[in-house]
Amino acid sequence: MTSELEDRYTDLRFSPYGTAFLTDAIIVQRYIEVRSRLLRIMAVVKVRASAHSDELRLYRIDDNGLQIGEMLPDQEGLLGGRPTWRAPRIDKA
């Protein structure tokens, strides 16, 4: 099943009727704006009975198919509609 949802950014819903608990896998895809560019991100929210990555990753679809890109570690709030830049963390030795 594929379900398209209206982006509200105020609540993170995965199904219009509260049926997300019935699904075996949920993948969220969303457009985001970063530095005045429209980008696409995706994340695996749920895969029943399986460990999976929880990373938000850029993606694109081109002549070679689906291309999964890098994370945006310097951005926060991507799913909330108000991404903000976060300074990179410097680990002290």
PDB file of N, CA and C in Angstrom:
ATOM      1  N   MET A   1       0.842  -1.172   0.000  1.00  0.00           N
ATOM      2  CA  MET A   1       0.000   0.000   0.000  1.00  0.00           C
ATOM      3  C   MET A   1       0.890   1.238   0.000  1.00  0.00           C
ATOM      4  N   THR A   2       0.522   2.203  -0.752  1.00  0.00           N
ATOM      5  CA  THR A   2       1.186   3.502  -0.756  1.00  0.00           C
ATOM      6  C   THR A   2       0.164   4.527  -0.317  1.00  0.00           C
ATOM      7  N   SER A   3       0.562   5.407   0.582  1.00  0.00           N
ATOM      8  CA  SER A   3      -0.360   6.424   1.079  1.00  0.00           C
ATOM      9  C   SER A   3       0.308   7.782   0.994  1.00  0.00           C
ATOM     10  N   GLU A   4      -0.317   8.690   0.273  1.00  0.00           N
ATOM     11  CA  GLU A   4       0.192  10.053   0.191  1.00  0.00           C
ATOM     12  C   GLU A   4      -0.521  10.895   1.235  1.00  0.00           C
ATOM     13  N   LEU A   5       0.257  11.607   2.019  1.00  0.00           N
ATOM     14  CA  LEU A   5      -0.302  12.435   3.078  1.00  0.00           C
ATOM     15  C   LEU A   5       0.046  13.893   2.842  1.00  0.00           C
ATOM     16  N   GLU A   6      -0.837  14.756   3.229  1.00  0.00           N
ATOM     17  CA  GLU A   6      -0.588  16.189   3.151  1.00  0.00           C
ATOM     18  C   GLU A   6       0.443  16.573   4.205  1.00  0.00           C
ATOM     19  N   ASP A   7       1.468  17.326   3.788  1.00  0.00           N
ATOM     20  CA  ASP A   7       2.470  17.797   4.750  1.00  0.00           C
ATOM     21  C   ASP A   7       1.862  18.874   5.625  1.00  0.00           C
ATOM     22  N   ARG A   8       1.815  18.604   6.907  1.00  0.00           N
ATOM     23  CA  ARG A   8       1.315  19.613   7.838  1.00  0.00           C
ATOM     24  C   ARG A   8       2.428  20.168   8.705  1.00  0.00           C
ATOM     25  N   TYR A   9       3.478  19.432   8.874  1.00  0.00           N
ATOM     26  CA  TYR A   9       4.648  19.820   9.654  1.00  0.00           C
ATOM     27  C   TYR A   9       4.353  20.029  11.132  1.00  0.00           C
ATOM     28  N   THR A  10       3.101  20.110  11.522  1.00  0.00           N
ATOM     29  CA  THR A  10       2.796  20.273  12.939  1.00  0.00           C
ATOM     30  C   THR A  10       2.619  18.931  13.623  1.00  0.00           C
ATOM     31  N   ASP A  11       2.306  17.912  12.861  1.00  0.00           N
ATOM     32  CA  ASP A  11       2.223  16.567  13.417  1.00  0.00           C
ATOM     33  C   ASP A  11       2.778  15.584  12.394  1.00  0.00           C
ATOM     34  N   LEU A  12       3.444  14.560  12.875  1.00  0.00           N
ATOM     35  CA  LEU A  12       4.063  13.575  12.009  1.00  0.00           C
ATOM     36  C   LEU A  12       3.162  12.344  11.978  1.00  0.00           C
ATOM     37  N   ARG A  13       2.325  12.271  10.938  1.00  0.00           N
ATOM     38  CA  ARG A  13       1.387  11.160  10.795  1.00  0.00           C
ATOM     39  C   ARG A  13       1.853  10.269   9.655  1.00  0.00           C
ATOM     40  N   PHE A  14       1.612   8.973   9.811  1.00  0.00           N
ATOM     41  CA  PHE A  14       2.022   8.020   8.790  1.00  0.00           C
ATOM     42  C   PHE A  14       0.849   7.359   8.092  1.00  0.00           C
ATOM     43  N   SER A  15      -0.355   7.676   8.513  1.00  0.00           N
ATOM     44  CA  SER A  15      -1.537   7.180   7.813  1.00  0.00           C
ATOM     45  C   SER A  15      -2.710   8.106   8.134  1.00  0.00           C
ATOM     46  N   PRO A  16      -3.635   8.265   7.196  1.00  0.00           N
ATOM     47  CA  PRO A  16      -4.736   9.204   7.434  1.00  0.00           C
ATOM     48  C   PRO A  16      -5.770   8.683   8.423  1.00  0.00           C
ATOM     49  N   TYR A  17      -5.802   7.380   8.653  1.00  0.00           N
ATOM     50  CA  TYR A  17      -6.850   6.810   9.496  1.00  0.00           C
ATOM     51  C   TYR A  17      -6.302   6.069  10.712  1.00  0.00           C
ATOM     52  N   GLY A  18      -5.056   6.314  11.062  1.00  0.00           N
ATOM     53  CA  GLY A  18      -4.470   5.649  12.216  1.00  0.00           C
ATOM     54  C   GLY A  18      -4.215   4.178  11.976  1.00  0.00           C
ATOM     55  N   THR A  19      -3.954   3.785  10.744  1.00  0.00           N
ATOM     56  CA  THR A  19      -3.746   2.376  10.411  1.00  0.00           C
ATOM     57  C   THR A  19      -2.273   1.999  10.292  1.00  0.00           C
ATOM     58  N   ALA A  20      -1.375   2.863  10.696  1.00  0.00           N
ATOM     59  CA  ALA A  20       0.059   2.577  10.566  1.00  0.00           C
ATOM     60  C   ALA A  20       0.457   1.318  11.317  1.00  0.00           C
ATOM     61  N   PHE A  21      -0.260   0.971  12.361  1.00  0.00           N
ATOM     62  CA  PHE A  21       0.081  -0.224  13.132  1.00  0.00           C
ATOM     63  C   PHE A  21      -0.136  -1.506  12.326  1.00  0.00           C
ATOM     64  N   LEU A  22      -0.898  -1.446  11.240  1.00  0.00           N
ATOM     65  CA  LEU A  22      -1.154  -2.610  10.401  1.00  0.00           C
ATOM     66  C   LEU A  22      -0.038  -2.882   9.397  1.00  0.00           C
ATOM     67  N   THR A  23       0.809  -1.918   9.157  1.00  0.00           N
ATOM     68  CA  THR A  23       1.825  -2.057   8.111  1.00  0.00           C
ATOM     69  C   THR A  23       3.075  -2.756   8.622  1.00  0.00           C
ATOM     70  N   ASP A  24       3.763  -3.415   7.706  1.00  0.00           N
ATOM     71  CA  ASP A  24       5.030  -4.067   8.038  1.00  0.00           C
ATOM     72  C   ASP A  24       6.209  -3.121   7.884  1.00  0.00           C
ATOM     73  N   ALA A  25       6.075  -2.127   7.010  1.00  0.00           N
ATOM     74  CA  ALA A  25       7.182  -1.193   6.771  1.00  0.00           C
ATOM     75  C   ALA A  25       6.623   0.193   6.462  1.00  0.00           C
ATOM     76  N   ILE A  26       7.301   1.195   6.986  1.00  0.00           N
ATOM     77  CA  ILE A  26       6.930   2.585   6.688  1.00  0.00           C
ATOM     78  C   ILE A  26       8.207   3.331   6.299  1.00  0.00           C
ATOM     79  N   ILE A  27       8.165   3.944   5.130  1.00  0.00           N
ATOM     80  CA  ILE A  27       9.258   4.781   4.647  1.00  0.00           C
ATOM     81  C   ILE A  27       8.678   6.165   4.408  1.00  0.00           C
ATOM     82  N   VAL A  28       9.290   7.165   5.008  1.00  0.00           N
ATOM     83  CA  VAL A  28       8.808   8.534   4.826  1.00  0.00           C
ATOM     84  C   VAL A  28       9.707   9.230   3.807  1.00  0.00           C
ATOM     85  N   GLN A  29       9.069   9.942   2.876  1.00  0.00           N
ATOM     86  CA  GLN A  29       9.778  10.745   1.887  1.00  0.00           C
ATOM     87  C   GLN A  29       9.226  12.157   1.976  1.00  0.00           C
ATOM     88  N   ARG A  30      10.117  13.129   1.924  1.00  0.00           N
ATOM     89  CA  ARG A  30       9.671  14.509   2.089  1.00  0.00           C
ATOM     90  C   ARG A  30      10.591  15.454   1.329  1.00  0.00           C
ATOM     91  N   TYR A  31       9.986  16.518   0.807  1.00  0.00           N
ATOM     92  CA  TYR A  31      10.769  17.611   0.238  1.00  0.00           C
ATOM     93  C   TYR A  31      11.194  18.529   1.368  1.00  0.00           C
ATOM     94  N   ILE A  32      12.416  19.040   1.268  1.00  0.00           N
ATOM     95  CA  ILE A  32      12.916  20.009   2.241  1.00  0.00           C
ATOM     96  C   ILE A  32      13.610  21.134   1.479  1.00  0.00           C
ATOM     97  N   GLU A  33      13.714  22.283   2.115  1.00  0.00           N
ATOM     98  CA  GLU A  33      14.467  23.397   1.549  1.00  0.00           C
ATOM     99  C   GLU A  33      15.722  23.585   2.373  1.00  0.00           C
ATOM    100  N   VAL A  34      16.860  23.563   1.708  1.00  0.00           N
ATOM    101  CA  VAL A  34      18.147  23.798   2.357  1.00  0.00           C
ATOM    102  C   VAL A  34      18.950  24.731   1.464  1.00  0.00           C
ATOM    103  N   ARG A  35      19.347  25.862   2.009  1.00  0.00           N
ATOM    104  CA  ARG A  35      20.131  26.860   1.270  1.00  0.00           C
ATOM    105  C   ARG A  35      19.452  27.230  -0.055  1.00  0.00           C
ATOM    106  N   SER A  36      18.170  27.482   0.024  1.00  0.00           N
ATOM    107  CA  SER A  36      17.363  27.907  -1.126  1.00  0.00           C
ATOM    108  C   SER A  36      17.315  26.879  -2.259  1.00  0.00           C
ATOM    109  N   ARG A  37      17.475  25.609  -1.906  1.00  0.00           N
ATOM    110  CA  ARG A  37      17.334  24.529  -2.885  1.00  0.00           C
ATOM    111  C   ARG A  37      16.303  23.539  -2.376  1.00  0.00           C
ATOM    112  N   LEU A  38      15.520  22.989  -3.277  1.00  0.00           N
ATOM    113  CA  LEU A  38      14.541  21.978  -2.933  1.00  0.00           C
ATOM    114  C   LEU A  38      15.197  20.610  -3.054  1.00  0.00           C
ATOM    115  N   LEU A  39      15.268  19.903  -1.922  1.00  0.00           N
ATOM    116  CA  LEU A  39      15.902  18.587  -1.864  1.00  0.00           C
ATOM    117  C   LEU A  39      14.882  17.556  -1.392  1.00  0.00           C
ATOM    118  N   ARG A  40      15.205  16.291  -1.580  1.00  0.00           N
ATOM    119  CA  ARG A  40      14.336  15.218  -1.112  1.00  0.00           C
ATOM    120  C   ARG A  40      15.081  14.363  -0.089  1.00  0.00           C
ATOM    121  N   ILE A  41      14.386  14.032   0.994  1.00  0.00           N
ATOM    122  CA  ILE A  41      14.960  13.148   2.002  1.00  0.00           C
ATOM    123  C   ILE A  41      14.027  11.960   2.207  1.00  0.00           C
ATOM    124  N   MET A  42      14.609  10.891   2.743  1.00  0.00           N
ATOM    125  CA  MET A  42      13.815   9.726   3.096  1.00  0.00           C
ATOM    126  C   MET A  42      14.394   9.106   4.354  1.00  0.00           C
ATOM    127  N   ALA A  43      13.541   8.350   5.042  1.00  0.00           N
ATOM    128  CA  ALA A  43      13.967   7.614   6.229  1.00  0.00           C
ATOM    129  C   ALA A  43      13.065   6.408   6.395  1.00  0.00           C
ATOM    130  N   VAL A  44      13.630   5.350   6.915  1.00  0.00           N
ATOM    131  CA  VAL A  44      12.855   4.169   7.257  1.00  0.00           C
ATOM    132  C   VAL A  44      12.344   4.383   8.670  1.00  0.00           C
ATOM    133  N   VAL A  45      11.037   4.436   8.815  1.00  0.00           N
ATOM    134  CA  VAL A  45      10.429   4.652  10.123  1.00  0.00           C
ATOM    135  C   VAL A  45      10.233   3.327  10.834  1.00  0.00           C
ATOM    136  N   LYS A  46       9.820   2.322  10.075  1.00  0.00           N
ATOM    137  CA  LYS A  46       9.464   1.049  10.695  1.00  0.00           C
ATOM    138  C   LYS A  46       9.656  -0.073   9.690  1.00  0.00           C
ATOM    139  N   VAL A  47      10.269  -1.154  10.136  1.00  0.00           N
ATOM    140  CA  VAL A  47      10.285  -2.414   9.405  1.00  0.00           C
ATOM    141  C   VAL A  47      10.068  -3.495  10.459  1.00  0.00           C
ATOM    142  N   ARG A  48       8.938  -4.112  10.410  1.00  0.00           N
ATOM    143  CA  ARG A  48       8.574  -5.094  11.432  1.00  0.00           C
ATOM    144  C   ARG A  48       9.564  -6.252  11.448  1.00  0.00           C
ATOM    145  N   ALA A  49       9.997  -6.622  12.640  1.00  0.00           N
ATOM    146  CA  ALA A  49      10.890  -7.761  12.886  1.00  0.00           C
ATOM    147  C   ALA A  49      12.244  -7.606  12.199  1.00  0.00           C
ATOM    148  N   SER A  50      12.731  -6.379  12.090  1.00  0.00           N
ATOM    149  CA  SER A  50      14.014  -6.142  11.439  1.00  0.00           C
ATOM    150  C   SER A  50      14.667  -4.896  12.025  1.00  0.00           C
ATOM    151  N   ALA A  51      15.974  -4.981  12.193  1.00  0.00           N
ATOM    152  CA  ALA A  51      16.733  -3.787  12.567  1.00  0.00           C
ATOM    153  C   ALA A  51      16.945  -2.960  11.301  1.00  0.00           C
ATOM    154  N   HIS A  52      16.886  -1.655  11.419  1.00  0.00           N
ATOM    155  CA  HIS A  52      17.066  -0.793  10.253  1.00  0.00           C
ATOM    156  C   HIS A  52      17.669   0.529  10.690  1.00  0.00           C
ATOM    157  N   SER A  53      18.191   1.243   9.722  1.00  0.00           N
ATOM    158  CA  SER A  53      18.768   2.557   9.973  1.00  0.00           C
ATOM    159  C   SER A  53      17.657   3.548  10.315  1.00  0.00           C
ATOM    160  N   ASP A  54      17.961   4.484  11.186  1.00  0.00           N
ATOM    161  CA  ASP A  54      17.012   5.553  11.513  1.00  0.00           C
ATOM    162  C   ASP A  54      17.496   6.901  10.976  1.00  0.00           C
ATOM    163  N   GLU A  55      18.422   6.868  10.030  1.00  0.00           N
ATOM    164  CA  GLU A  55      19.014   8.093   9.493  1.00  0.00           C
ATOM    165  C   GLU A  55      18.128   8.740   8.433  1.00  0.00           C
ATOM    166  N   LEU A  56      18.029  10.051   8.482  1.00  0.00           N
ATOM    167  CA  LEU A  56      17.423  10.820   7.393  1.00  0.00           C
ATOM    168  C   LEU A  56      18.496  11.003   6.328  1.00  0.00           C
ATOM    169  N   ARG A  57      18.188  10.604   5.100  1.00  0.00           N
ATOM    170  CA  ARG A  57      19.176  10.680   4.026  1.00  0.00           C
ATOM    171  C   ARG A  57      18.603  11.357   2.809  1.00  0.00           C
ATOM    172  N   LEU A  58      19.442  12.123   2.129  1.00  0.00           N
ATOM    173  CA  LEU A  58      19.065  12.688   0.844  1.00  0.00           C
ATOM    174  C   LEU A  58      18.900  11.556  -0.158  1.00  0.00           C
ATOM    175  N   TYR A  59      18.025  11.757  -1.147  1.00  0.00           N
ATOM    176  CA  TYR A  59      17.944  10.802  -2.235  1.00  0.00           C
ATOM    177  C   TYR A  59      17.572  11.530  -3.512  1.00  0.00           C
ATOM    178  N   ARG A  60      17.840  10.853  -4.622  1.00  0.00           N
ATOM    179  CA  ARG A  60      17.430  11.362  -5.923  1.00  0.00           C
ATOM    180  C   ARG A  60      17.123  10.168  -6.811  1.00  0.00           C
ATOM    181  N   ILE A  61      16.332  10.426  -7.817  1.00  0.00           N
ATOM    182  CA  ILE A  61      16.019   9.402  -8.803  1.00  0.00           C
ATOM    183  C   ILE A  61      16.520   9.921 -10.142  1.00  0.00           C
ATOM    184  N   ASP A  62      17.403   9.142 -10.764  1.00  0.00           N
ATOM    185  CA  ASP A  62      17.964   9.558 -12.042  1.00  0.00           C
ATOM    186  C   ASP A  62      17.923   8.389 -13.027  1.00  0.00           C
ATOM    187  N   ASP A  63      18.658   8.493 -14.106  1.00  0.00           N
ATOM    188  CA  ASP A  63      18.658   7.447 -15.134  1.00  0.00           C
ATOM    189  C   ASP A  63      19.162   6.105 -14.610  1.00  0.00           C
ATOM    190  N   ASN A  64      19.917   6.124 -13.505  1.00  0.00           N
ATOM    191  CA  ASN A  64      20.441   4.893 -12.912  1.00  0.00           C
ATOM    192  C   ASN A  64      19.556   4.349 -11.800  1.00  0.00           C
ATOM    193  N   GLY A  65      18.415   4.973 -11.582  1.00  0.00           N
ATOM    194  CA  GLY A  65      17.495   4.505 -10.545  1.00  0.00           C
ATOM    195  C   GLY A  65      17.584   5.350  -9.288  1.00  0.00           C
ATOM    196  N   LEU A  66      17.248   4.749  -8.161  1.00  0.00           N
ATOM    197  CA  LEU A  66      17.244   5.435  -6.867  1.00  0.00           C
ATOM    198  C   LEU A  66      18.661   5.542  -6.331  1.00  0.00           C
ATOM    199  N   GLN A  67      19.077   6.746  -6.016  1.00  0.00           N
ATOM    200  CA  GLN A  67      20.412   7.005  -5.475  1.00  0.00           C
ATOM    201  C   GLN A  67      20.260   7.548  -4.051  1.00  0.00           C
ATOM    202  N   ILE A  68      20.720   6.786  -3.065  1.00  0.00           N
ATOM    203  CA  ILE A  68      20.660   7.217  -1.669  1.00  0.00           C
ATOM    204  C   ILE A  68      21.914   8.018  -1.374  1.00  0.00           C
ATOM    205  N   GLY A  69      21.733   9.214  -0.849  1.00  0.00           N
ATOM    206  CA  GLY A  69      22.853  10.115  -0.589  1.00  0.00           C
ATOM    207  C   GLY A  69      23.222  10.182   0.882  1.00  0.00           C
ATOM    208  N   GLU A  70      23.864  11.272   1.224  1.00  0.00           N
ATOM    209  CA  GLU A  70      24.391  11.448   2.570  1.00  0.00           C
ATOM    210  C   GLU A  70      23.338  11.989   3.537  1.00  0.00           C
ATOM    211  N   MET A  71      23.697  11.940   4.805  1.00  0.00           N
ATOM    212  CA  MET A  71      22.887  12.571   5.838  1.00  0.00           C
ATOM    213  C   MET A  71      23.181  14.063   5.814  1.00  0.00           C
ATOM    214  N   LEU A  72      22.380  14.834   6.519  1.00  0.00           N
ATOM    215  CA  LEU A  72      22.611  16.270   6.679  1.00  0.00           C
ATOM    216  C   LEU A  72      22.869  16.536   8.165  1.00  0.00           C
ATOM    217  N   PRO A  73      24.054  16.183   8.651  1.00  0.00           N
ATOM    218  CA  PRO A  73      24.307  16.282  10.086  1.00  0.00           C
ATOM    219  C   PRO A  73      24.327  17.708  10.628  1.00  0.00           C
ATOM    220  N   ASP A  74      24.466  18.703   9.741  1.00  0.00           N
ATOM    221  CA  ASP A  74      24.480  20.090  10.209  1.00  0.00           C
ATOM    222  C   ASP A  74      23.095  20.739  10.150  1.00  0.00           C
ATOM    223  N   GLN A  75      22.047  19.944   9.898  1.00  0.00           N
ATOM    224  CA  GLN A  75      20.678  20.456   9.840  1.00  0.00           C
ATOM    225  C   GLN A  75      19.817  19.748  10.886  1.00  0.00           C
ATOM    226  N   GLU A  76      18.955  20.493  11.540  1.00  0.00           N
ATOM    227  CA  GLU A  76      17.986  19.942  12.490  1.00  0.00           C
ATOM    228  C   GLU A  76      16.593  20.412  12.093  1.00  0.00           C
ATOM    229  N   GLY A  77      15.587  19.658  12.493  1.00  0.00           N
ATOM    230  CA  GLY A  77      14.212  20.069  12.247  1.00  0.00           C
ATOM    231  C   GLY A  77      13.735  19.828  10.826  1.00  0.00           C
ATOM    232  N   LEU A  78      14.359  18.902  10.112  1.00  0.00           N
ATOM    233  CA  LEU A  78      14.001  18.656   8.719  1.00  0.00           C
ATOM    234  C   LEU A  78      12.564  18.169   8.559  1.00  0.00           C
ATOM    235  N   LEU A  79      12.090  17.351   9.461  1.00  0.00           N
ATOM    236  CA  LEU A  79      10.725  16.837   9.358  1.00  0.00           C
ATOM    237  C   LEU A  79       9.698  17.823   9.887  1.00  0.00           C
ATOM    238  N   GLY A  80      10.123  18.785  10.659  1.00  0.00           N
ATOM    239  CA  GLY A  80       9.198  19.740  11.247  1.00  0.00           C
ATOM    240  C   GLY A  80       8.907  20.951  10.386  1.00  0.00           C
ATOM    241  N   GLY A  81       9.544  21.043   9.229  1.00  0.00           N
ATOM    242  CA  GLY A  81       9.262  22.149   8.330  1.00  0.00           C
ATOM    243  C   GLY A  81      10.060  23.406   8.603  1.00  0.00           C
ATOM    244  N   ARG A  82      10.870  23.400   9.655  1.00  0.00           N
ATOM    245  CA  ARG A  82      11.715  24.557   9.972  1.00  0.00           C
ATOM    246  C   ARG A  82      13.148  24.101  10.218  1.00  0.00           C
ATOM    247  N   PRO A  83      13.836  23.681   9.164  1.00  0.00           N
ATOM    248  CA  PRO A  83      15.206  23.240   9.381  1.00  0.00           C
ATOM    249  C   PRO A  83      16.099  24.383   9.830  1.00  0.00           C
ATOM    250  N   THR A  84      16.998  24.070  10.719  1.00  0.00           N
ATOM    251  CA  THR A  84      17.958  25.055  11.205  1.00  0.00           C
ATOM    252  C   THR A  84      19.354  24.463  11.115  1.00  0.00           C
ATOM    253  N   TRP A  85      20.319  25.338  10.906  1.00  0.00           N
ATOM    254  CA  TRP A  85      21.705  24.920  10.848  1.00  0.00           C
ATOM    255  C   TRP A  85      22.227  24.720  12.255  1.00  0.00           C
ATOM    256  N   ARG A  86      22.992  23.661  12.429  1.00  0.00           N
ATOM    257  CA  ARG A  86      23.616  23.370  13.723  1.00  0.00           C
ATOM    258  C   ARG A  86      25.110  23.254  13.489  1.00  0.00           C
ATOM    259  N   ALA A  87      25.891  23.940  14.286  1.00  0.00           N
ATOM    260  CA  ALA A  87      27.344  23.883  14.142  1.00  0.00           C
ATOM    261  C   ALA A  87      27.822  22.456  14.358  1.00  0.00           C
ATOM    262  N   PRO A  88      28.786  22.005  13.557  1.00  0.00           N
ATOM    263  CA  PRO A  88      29.321  20.646  13.738  1.00  0.00           C
ATOM    264  C   PRO A  88      29.925  20.470  15.123  1.00  0.00           C
ATOM    265  N   ARG A  89      29.721  19.296  15.682  1.00  0.00           N
ATOM    266  CA  ARG A  89      30.237  18.992  17.012  1.00  0.00           C
ATOM    267  C   ARG A  89      31.709  18.683  16.936  1.00  0.00           C
ATOM    268  N   ILE A  90      32.480  19.254  17.810  1.00  0.00           N
ATOM    269  CA  ILE A  90      33.914  19.011  17.871  1.00  0.00           C
ATOM    270  C   ILE A  90      34.184  18.181  19.114  1.00  0.00           C
ATOM    271  N   ASP A  91      34.674  16.970  18.910  1.00  0.00           N
ATOM    272  CA  ASP A  91      34.997  16.103  20.040  1.00  0.00           C
ATOM    273  C   ASP A  91      36.334  16.524  20.625  1.00  0.00           C
ATOM    274  N   LYS A  92      36.332  16.684  21.953  1.00  0.00           N
ATOM    275  CA  LYS A  92      37.579  17.054  22.639  1.00  0.00           C
ATOM    276  C   LYS A  92      38.285  15.783  23.084  1.00  0.00           C
ATOM    277  N   ALA A  93      39.563  15.714  22.831  1.00  0.00           N
ATOM    278  CA  ALA A  93      40.345  14.522  23.171  1.00  0.00           C
ATOM    279  C   ALA A  93      40.796  14.557  24.604  1.00  0.00           C
TER     280      ALA A  93
END
